[in-house]
Structures are given as structure tokens and as C-alpha cells.
N, C-alpha and C. Protein backbone atom coordinates (compact mmCIF):
# COMPACT_ATOMS: atom_id res chain seq x y z
N MET A 1 46.87 67.36 63.53
CA MET A 1 46.20 67.64 64.78
C MET A 1 47.20 67.65 65.93
N GLY A 2 48.17 66.71 65.96
CA GLY A 2 49.12 66.61 67.05
C GLY A 2 49.99 67.84 67.18
N THR A 3 50.56 68.34 66.08
CA THR A 3 51.39 69.53 66.15
C THR A 3 50.57 70.77 66.44
N ASP A 4 49.33 70.79 65.97
CA ASP A 4 48.46 71.93 66.24
C ASP A 4 48.16 72.04 67.74
N MET A 5 47.96 70.90 68.40
CA MET A 5 47.68 70.89 69.83
C MET A 5 48.88 71.44 70.62
N PHE A 6 50.08 71.00 70.25
CA PHE A 6 51.27 71.48 70.93
C PHE A 6 51.51 72.97 70.71
N SER A 7 51.20 73.46 69.54
CA SER A 7 51.40 74.88 69.28
C SER A 7 50.47 75.73 70.13
N ARG A 8 49.34 75.17 70.52
CA ARG A 8 48.43 75.91 71.42
C ARG A 8 48.83 75.77 72.87
N ILE A 9 49.43 74.67 73.24
CA ILE A 9 49.81 74.42 74.64
C ILE A 9 51.08 75.16 75.03
N ARG A 10 52.04 75.27 74.13
CA ARG A 10 53.33 75.89 74.45
C ARG A 10 53.21 77.29 75.06
N PRO A 11 52.44 78.21 74.45
CA PRO A 11 52.32 79.55 75.05
C PRO A 11 51.73 79.50 76.46
N VAL A 12 50.81 78.58 76.68
CA VAL A 12 50.20 78.44 78.01
C VAL A 12 51.26 77.95 79.01
N MET A 13 52.08 77.00 78.59
CA MET A 13 53.14 76.47 79.46
C MET A 13 54.17 77.55 79.76
N ARG A 14 54.54 78.33 78.76
CA ARG A 14 55.50 79.42 78.98
C ARG A 14 54.94 80.44 79.98
N ALA A 15 53.69 80.81 79.82
CA ALA A 15 53.07 81.79 80.71
C ALA A 15 53.01 81.24 82.14
N ALA A 16 52.67 79.96 82.27
CA ALA A 16 52.61 79.35 83.60
C ALA A 16 54.01 79.32 84.23
N ALA A 17 55.02 78.95 83.45
CA ALA A 17 56.39 78.91 83.97
C ALA A 17 56.85 80.30 84.39
N ALA A 18 56.52 81.31 83.61
CA ALA A 18 56.90 82.68 83.95
C ALA A 18 56.20 83.12 85.23
N GLY A 19 54.94 82.76 85.38
CA GLY A 19 54.20 83.10 86.59
C GLY A 19 54.79 82.46 87.83
N ILE A 20 55.18 81.20 87.71
CA ILE A 20 55.80 80.49 88.83
C ILE A 20 57.13 81.14 89.18
N LEU A 21 57.93 81.46 88.17
CA LEU A 21 59.23 82.10 88.40
C LEU A 21 59.06 83.44 89.11
N LEU A 22 58.10 84.25 88.67
CA LEU A 22 57.86 85.53 89.32
C LEU A 22 57.40 85.35 90.77
N ALA A 23 56.60 84.36 91.03
CA ALA A 23 56.12 84.11 92.39
C ALA A 23 57.27 83.70 93.29
N VAL A 24 58.16 82.84 92.80
CA VAL A 24 59.31 82.39 93.59
C VAL A 24 60.25 83.55 93.87
N VAL A 25 60.59 84.32 92.85
CA VAL A 25 61.50 85.45 93.02
C VAL A 25 60.88 86.49 93.95
N GLY A 26 59.61 86.79 93.77
CA GLY A 26 58.93 87.77 94.61
C GLY A 26 58.89 87.35 96.06
N SER A 27 58.60 86.08 96.33
CA SER A 27 58.54 85.63 97.72
C SER A 27 59.93 85.59 98.33
N THR A 28 60.95 85.28 97.55
CA THR A 28 62.31 85.28 98.07
C THR A 28 62.73 86.69 98.44
N LEU A 29 62.45 87.67 97.58
CA LEU A 29 62.80 89.05 97.88
C LEU A 29 62.02 89.58 99.06
N ALA A 30 60.76 89.23 99.14
CA ALA A 30 59.92 89.72 100.23
C ALA A 30 60.33 89.12 101.56
N SER A 31 60.86 87.89 101.54
CA SER A 31 61.20 87.24 102.79
C SER A 31 62.67 87.41 103.17
N ALA A 32 63.43 88.18 102.40
CA ALA A 32 64.84 88.40 102.74
C ALA A 32 64.90 89.10 104.09
N PRO A 33 65.65 88.55 105.04
CA PRO A 33 65.68 89.16 106.37
C PRO A 33 66.33 90.54 106.36
N ARG A 34 65.82 91.42 107.20
CA ARG A 34 66.40 92.75 107.36
C ARG A 34 67.20 92.77 108.65
N ILE A 35 68.22 93.60 108.67
CA ILE A 35 69.06 93.73 109.86
C ILE A 35 68.77 95.08 110.48
N TYR A 36 68.41 95.07 111.74
CA TYR A 36 68.14 96.28 112.50
C TYR A 36 69.24 96.45 113.54
N VAL A 37 69.91 97.60 113.51
CA VAL A 37 70.96 97.89 114.47
C VAL A 37 70.45 98.97 115.42
N THR A 38 70.64 98.73 116.71
CA THR A 38 70.20 99.71 117.71
C THR A 38 71.39 100.15 118.55
N PHE A 39 71.27 101.35 119.10
CA PHE A 39 72.26 101.88 120.03
C PHE A 39 71.48 102.41 121.23
N ARG A 40 71.77 101.88 122.39
CA ARG A 40 71.03 102.20 123.61
C ARG A 40 69.53 102.00 123.41
N GLY A 41 69.18 100.96 122.65
CA GLY A 41 67.79 100.60 122.43
C GLY A 41 67.08 101.37 121.34
N LYS A 42 67.74 102.36 120.75
CA LYS A 42 67.11 103.17 119.70
C LYS A 42 67.63 102.73 118.34
N PRO A 43 66.72 102.57 117.35
CA PRO A 43 67.16 102.12 116.02
C PRO A 43 68.02 103.16 115.31
N LEU A 44 69.02 102.67 114.60
CA LEU A 44 69.89 103.53 113.80
C LEU A 44 69.48 103.40 112.34
N LYS A 45 69.53 104.51 111.61
CA LYS A 45 69.17 104.50 110.19
C LYS A 45 70.43 104.71 109.36
N PHE A 46 70.66 103.78 108.45
CA PHE A 46 71.83 103.82 107.59
C PHE A 46 71.41 104.23 106.18
N ALA A 47 72.30 104.96 105.50
CA ALA A 47 72.07 105.30 104.09
C ALA A 47 72.05 104.00 103.28
N LYS A 48 71.42 104.05 102.14
CA LYS A 48 71.28 102.85 101.31
C LYS A 48 72.63 102.22 100.98
N ALA A 49 73.64 103.03 100.73
CA ALA A 49 74.96 102.51 100.33
C ALA A 49 75.71 101.83 101.46
N VAL A 50 75.27 102.04 102.70
CA VAL A 50 76.01 101.47 103.84
C VAL A 50 75.11 100.63 104.76
N GLN A 51 74.15 99.94 104.17
CA GLN A 51 73.26 99.08 104.95
C GLN A 51 74.05 97.90 105.53
N PRO A 52 73.80 97.56 106.80
CA PRO A 52 74.41 96.35 107.37
C PRO A 52 73.97 95.12 106.58
N TYR A 53 74.79 94.08 106.58
CA TYR A 53 74.47 92.85 105.88
C TYR A 53 75.10 91.68 106.61
N ARG A 54 74.71 90.48 106.21
CA ARG A 54 75.30 89.26 106.80
C ARG A 54 76.33 88.68 105.86
N SER A 55 77.42 88.23 106.43
CA SER A 55 78.46 87.55 105.67
C SER A 55 78.99 86.41 106.54
N GLN A 56 78.81 85.20 106.08
CA GLN A 56 79.27 84.02 106.81
C GLN A 56 78.80 84.04 108.27
N ARG A 57 77.51 84.20 108.46
CA ARG A 57 76.85 84.19 109.78
C ARG A 57 77.30 85.33 110.69
N THR A 58 77.87 86.38 110.13
CA THR A 58 78.31 87.54 110.92
C THR A 58 77.64 88.79 110.37
N VAL A 59 77.12 89.62 111.25
CA VAL A 59 76.54 90.90 110.83
C VAL A 59 77.68 91.88 110.60
N MET A 60 77.72 92.46 109.41
CA MET A 60 78.74 93.42 109.04
C MET A 60 78.14 94.82 109.03
N VAL A 61 78.86 95.78 109.64
CA VAL A 61 78.38 97.16 109.72
C VAL A 61 79.43 98.10 109.13
N PRO A 62 78.98 99.26 108.64
CA PRO A 62 79.94 100.22 108.07
C PRO A 62 80.79 100.83 109.19
N PHE A 63 82.09 100.68 109.09
CA PHE A 63 83.02 101.04 110.16
C PHE A 63 82.92 102.51 110.57
N ARG A 64 83.21 103.41 109.68
CA ARG A 64 83.23 104.85 110.03
C ARG A 64 81.84 105.41 110.31
N GLU A 65 80.87 104.99 109.50
CA GLU A 65 79.52 105.53 109.66
C GLU A 65 78.92 105.17 111.02
N LEU A 66 79.07 103.91 111.44
CA LEU A 66 78.52 103.52 112.73
C LEU A 66 79.26 104.21 113.86
N GLY A 67 80.57 104.33 113.74
CA GLY A 67 81.34 105.05 114.76
C GLY A 67 80.86 106.48 114.93
N ALA A 68 80.60 107.16 113.82
CA ALA A 68 80.11 108.54 113.88
C ALA A 68 78.72 108.60 114.50
N MET A 69 77.86 107.64 114.19
CA MET A 69 76.49 107.62 114.71
C MET A 69 76.44 107.50 116.24
N ILE A 70 77.36 106.73 116.80
CA ILE A 70 77.31 106.50 118.25
C ILE A 70 78.26 107.40 119.02
N GLY A 71 79.05 108.19 118.32
CA GLY A 71 79.97 109.11 118.99
C GLY A 71 81.28 108.48 119.41
N ALA A 72 81.66 107.38 118.76
CA ALA A 72 82.95 106.75 119.05
C ALA A 72 84.07 107.53 118.35
N LYS A 73 85.23 107.53 118.95
CA LYS A 73 86.39 108.18 118.33
C LYS A 73 87.15 107.11 117.55
N ILE A 74 87.41 107.40 116.29
CA ILE A 74 88.13 106.46 115.43
C ILE A 74 89.43 107.12 114.99
N THR A 75 90.54 106.43 115.21
CA THR A 75 91.85 106.95 114.80
C THR A 75 92.62 105.85 114.09
N ARG A 76 93.50 106.28 113.22
CA ARG A 76 94.41 105.35 112.53
C ARG A 76 95.75 105.47 113.23
N ASN A 77 96.30 104.32 113.61
CA ASN A 77 97.60 104.32 114.27
C ASN A 77 98.69 104.77 113.31
N PRO A 78 99.81 105.28 113.83
CA PRO A 78 100.89 105.76 112.97
C PRO A 78 101.43 104.70 112.00
N ASP A 79 101.32 103.42 112.36
CA ASP A 79 101.83 102.38 111.46
C ASP A 79 100.98 102.26 110.19
N GLY A 80 99.79 102.88 110.20
CA GLY A 80 98.92 102.88 109.03
C GLY A 80 98.12 101.61 108.85
N LYS A 81 98.39 100.58 109.63
CA LYS A 81 97.69 99.30 109.49
C LYS A 81 96.54 99.17 110.48
N HIS A 82 96.74 99.62 111.68
CA HIS A 82 95.75 99.45 112.74
C HIS A 82 94.85 100.67 112.86
N VAL A 83 93.62 100.41 113.27
CA VAL A 83 92.70 101.47 113.61
C VAL A 83 92.30 101.26 115.06
N GLU A 84 91.90 102.34 115.69
CA GLU A 84 91.48 102.25 117.08
C GLU A 84 90.11 102.88 117.22
N ILE A 85 89.23 102.17 117.94
CA ILE A 85 87.90 102.66 118.26
C ILE A 85 87.88 102.92 119.76
N THR A 86 87.53 104.13 120.15
CA THR A 86 87.44 104.46 121.56
C THR A 86 86.03 104.94 121.87
N PHE A 87 85.46 104.36 122.92
CA PHE A 87 84.12 104.75 123.36
C PHE A 87 84.17 104.78 124.89
N GLY A 88 84.08 105.97 125.44
CA GLY A 88 84.22 106.11 126.90
C GLY A 88 85.60 105.67 127.33
N THR A 89 85.66 104.70 128.25
CA THR A 89 86.96 104.21 128.74
C THR A 89 87.41 102.95 128.01
N GLU A 90 86.60 102.46 127.09
CA GLU A 90 86.92 101.22 126.36
C GLU A 90 87.61 101.56 125.04
N SER A 91 88.55 100.69 124.63
CA SER A 91 89.19 100.91 123.33
C SER A 91 89.50 99.56 122.67
N ILE A 92 89.41 99.59 121.35
CA ILE A 92 89.71 98.41 120.55
C ILE A 92 90.75 98.79 119.52
N ALA A 93 91.80 97.99 119.41
CA ALA A 93 92.80 98.12 118.36
C ALA A 93 92.53 96.98 117.37
N TYR A 94 92.36 97.33 116.11
CA TYR A 94 91.98 96.34 115.11
C TYR A 94 92.75 96.57 113.82
N GLU A 95 93.22 95.47 113.24
CA GLU A 95 93.87 95.53 111.93
C GLU A 95 92.88 94.95 110.91
N PRO A 96 92.34 95.80 110.02
CA PRO A 96 91.37 95.32 109.05
C PRO A 96 91.85 94.08 108.30
N GLY A 97 90.93 93.14 108.13
CA GLY A 97 91.23 91.88 107.44
C GLY A 97 91.57 90.74 108.38
N HIS A 98 91.74 91.02 109.66
CA HIS A 98 92.11 89.98 110.62
C HIS A 98 90.91 89.53 111.45
N HIS A 99 91.04 88.36 112.05
CA HIS A 99 89.98 87.77 112.87
C HIS A 99 90.18 88.03 114.35
N GLY A 100 91.12 88.85 114.69
CA GLY A 100 91.38 89.15 116.09
C GLY A 100 91.53 90.64 116.31
N TYR A 101 91.40 91.06 117.56
CA TYR A 101 91.55 92.46 117.94
C TYR A 101 91.95 92.52 119.40
N ARG A 102 92.30 93.70 119.85
CA ARG A 102 92.64 93.89 121.26
C ARG A 102 91.61 94.81 121.90
N LEU A 103 90.95 94.31 122.92
CA LEU A 103 89.98 95.08 123.70
C LEU A 103 90.67 95.46 125.00
N ASN A 104 90.95 96.74 125.17
CA ASN A 104 91.67 97.24 126.36
C ASN A 104 92.96 96.44 126.60
N GLY A 105 93.64 96.12 125.50
CA GLY A 105 94.93 95.43 125.58
C GLY A 105 94.85 93.92 125.61
N ARG A 106 93.67 93.34 125.79
CA ARG A 106 93.52 91.88 125.83
C ARG A 106 93.08 91.36 124.47
N HIS A 107 93.80 90.33 123.99
CA HIS A 107 93.50 89.76 122.67
C HIS A 107 92.15 89.04 122.68
N GLN A 108 91.36 89.27 121.63
CA GLN A 108 90.06 88.62 121.45
C GLN A 108 90.00 88.05 120.03
N ASN A 109 89.30 86.96 119.85
CA ASN A 109 89.07 86.39 118.52
C ASN A 109 87.61 86.60 118.14
N MET A 110 87.37 86.67 116.84
CA MET A 110 85.99 86.76 116.35
C MET A 110 85.88 85.95 115.07
N ARG A 111 84.66 85.61 114.72
CA ARG A 111 84.41 84.75 113.56
C ARG A 111 84.76 85.44 112.25
N GLY A 112 84.28 86.64 112.03
CA GLY A 112 84.46 87.30 110.74
C GLY A 112 85.65 88.26 110.73
N ALA A 113 85.97 88.71 109.55
CA ALA A 113 87.00 89.74 109.36
C ALA A 113 86.37 90.85 108.53
N SER A 114 87.02 91.98 108.48
CA SER A 114 86.47 93.12 107.73
C SER A 114 86.38 92.80 106.24
N GLU A 115 85.49 93.52 105.58
CA GLU A 115 85.31 93.38 104.14
C GLU A 115 85.17 94.77 103.55
N SER A 116 85.55 94.91 102.30
CA SER A 116 85.39 96.18 101.61
C SER A 116 84.26 96.05 100.60
N ARG A 117 83.35 97.03 100.61
CA ARG A 117 82.23 97.06 99.66
C ARG A 117 82.11 98.47 99.13
N LYS A 118 82.21 98.59 97.82
CA LYS A 118 82.08 99.90 97.15
C LYS A 118 82.97 100.96 97.81
N GLY A 119 84.19 100.58 98.13
CA GLY A 119 85.15 101.53 98.69
C GLY A 119 84.96 101.83 100.17
N ARG A 120 84.06 101.12 100.84
CA ARG A 120 83.83 101.35 102.28
C ARG A 120 84.22 100.11 103.06
N LEU A 121 84.73 100.35 104.26
CA LEU A 121 85.13 99.25 105.14
C LEU A 121 83.95 98.84 106.01
N PHE A 122 83.61 97.56 105.99
CA PHE A 122 82.60 96.98 106.85
C PHE A 122 83.29 96.04 107.82
N VAL A 123 82.89 96.09 109.08
CA VAL A 123 83.51 95.27 110.12
C VAL A 123 82.43 94.46 110.83
N PRO A 124 82.81 93.35 111.47
CA PRO A 124 81.84 92.60 112.27
C PRO A 124 81.29 93.50 113.38
N ILE A 125 80.00 93.42 113.62
CA ILE A 125 79.37 94.27 114.63
C ILE A 125 79.96 94.01 116.02
N ARG A 126 80.56 92.87 116.20
CA ARG A 126 81.13 92.54 117.51
C ARG A 126 82.12 93.60 117.99
N LEU A 127 82.85 94.23 117.07
CA LEU A 127 83.78 95.29 117.49
C LEU A 127 83.04 96.39 118.23
N TYR A 128 81.91 96.81 117.70
CA TYR A 128 81.14 97.89 118.33
C TYR A 128 80.36 97.40 119.55
N THR A 129 79.92 96.16 119.52
CA THR A 129 79.23 95.61 120.69
C THR A 129 80.18 95.55 121.87
N ASP A 130 81.41 95.10 121.63
CA ASP A 130 82.39 94.99 122.71
C ASP A 130 82.85 96.36 123.22
N VAL A 131 83.15 97.28 122.32
CA VAL A 131 83.68 98.57 122.75
C VAL A 131 82.62 99.40 123.49
N THR A 132 81.33 99.14 123.23
CA THR A 132 80.26 99.87 123.92
C THR A 132 79.66 99.05 125.06
N SER A 133 80.27 97.93 125.39
CA SER A 133 79.77 97.03 126.44
C SER A 133 78.30 96.64 126.20
N GLY A 134 77.97 96.32 124.96
CA GLY A 134 76.66 95.81 124.61
C GLY A 134 75.61 96.85 124.26
N LEU A 135 76.00 98.12 124.15
CA LEU A 135 75.02 99.16 123.81
C LEU A 135 74.63 99.13 122.34
N VAL A 136 75.49 98.55 121.49
CA VAL A 136 75.17 98.38 120.07
C VAL A 136 74.71 96.94 119.90
N HIS A 137 73.56 96.79 119.24
CA HIS A 137 72.96 95.46 119.13
C HIS A 137 72.36 95.31 117.73
N ALA A 138 72.41 94.11 117.19
CA ALA A 138 71.78 93.84 115.88
C ALA A 138 70.72 92.78 116.04
N GLU A 139 69.64 92.96 115.29
CA GLU A 139 68.56 91.98 115.27
C GLU A 139 68.22 91.71 113.82
N ILE A 140 68.06 90.44 113.49
CA ILE A 140 67.73 90.04 112.12
C ILE A 140 66.28 89.56 112.12
N ARG A 141 65.45 90.22 111.30
CA ARG A 141 64.02 89.83 111.21
C ARG A 141 63.65 89.57 109.78
């Protein structure tokens, strides 16, 4: 009788455990925050492969794609290491992988550094926020 009872309970326990696991995973996926990037108050739409994300409390955005969306000029310096973002009269010189940059010649520090994902360069949104004087903004919901 004892082993017979356990053989009937085990499938019920497995089903209950699977249901709990699905509920936890589903609620975690459903509650994952989304990042919304705006330019001049209008939302920007990114392709699936270049969605902004968070890394170490910093919002990371696709470098070239965001520059093209807002009309910034992006150039690579002759040394091959630095890139420059120009928007209107503002310019940023940045060396990918570093935590600092030059905004109109003045050195600035930032929390994050660039990262590479699937062959694309992602940079902290602060570069674009600074070069556009706050016209690029991110919101996490």
C-alpha cells in the first residue's frame, strides 16, 4: 500500500512542480523591463538585432544605428582607434572600450564602456544624450 500511494502521488507532484516553474518563468519574462529611447520626444524603433539593453546599470544603444536615426555624423579618426560623433555644433571623440570621452574637447567620465554584441558596437546612451544636449533620452518601464 505504501509504495502504491507514492506511485500515484509522484506524477501529481511533478505536474505541480512543472506548473510552478512555468508560472515563475512566465512572470519573469512578462515583467522584464523594456527600454524606450526617444529623440526630441518621439519614440525610436530599433530592429530586433539592435535593441537597447541594460548592462551594469547603464543603458546601451547601437552606435551606428542610433547615429543614423538622429542624423548625427559618425567618423573614424585616422588613427583607427577613435570615433567621432557630431551633432550640430557638438562633438564627441570616443575610443571604444574606454570609460571616458571628450565632449567639445573637455574630458568626461562615464560609468559604462562600449560592448560588442553579434558584431555590432553598443555604447552607453550618455554619449548621445551629451552630444544632442539631452534630445536623446531613455526610459525603462
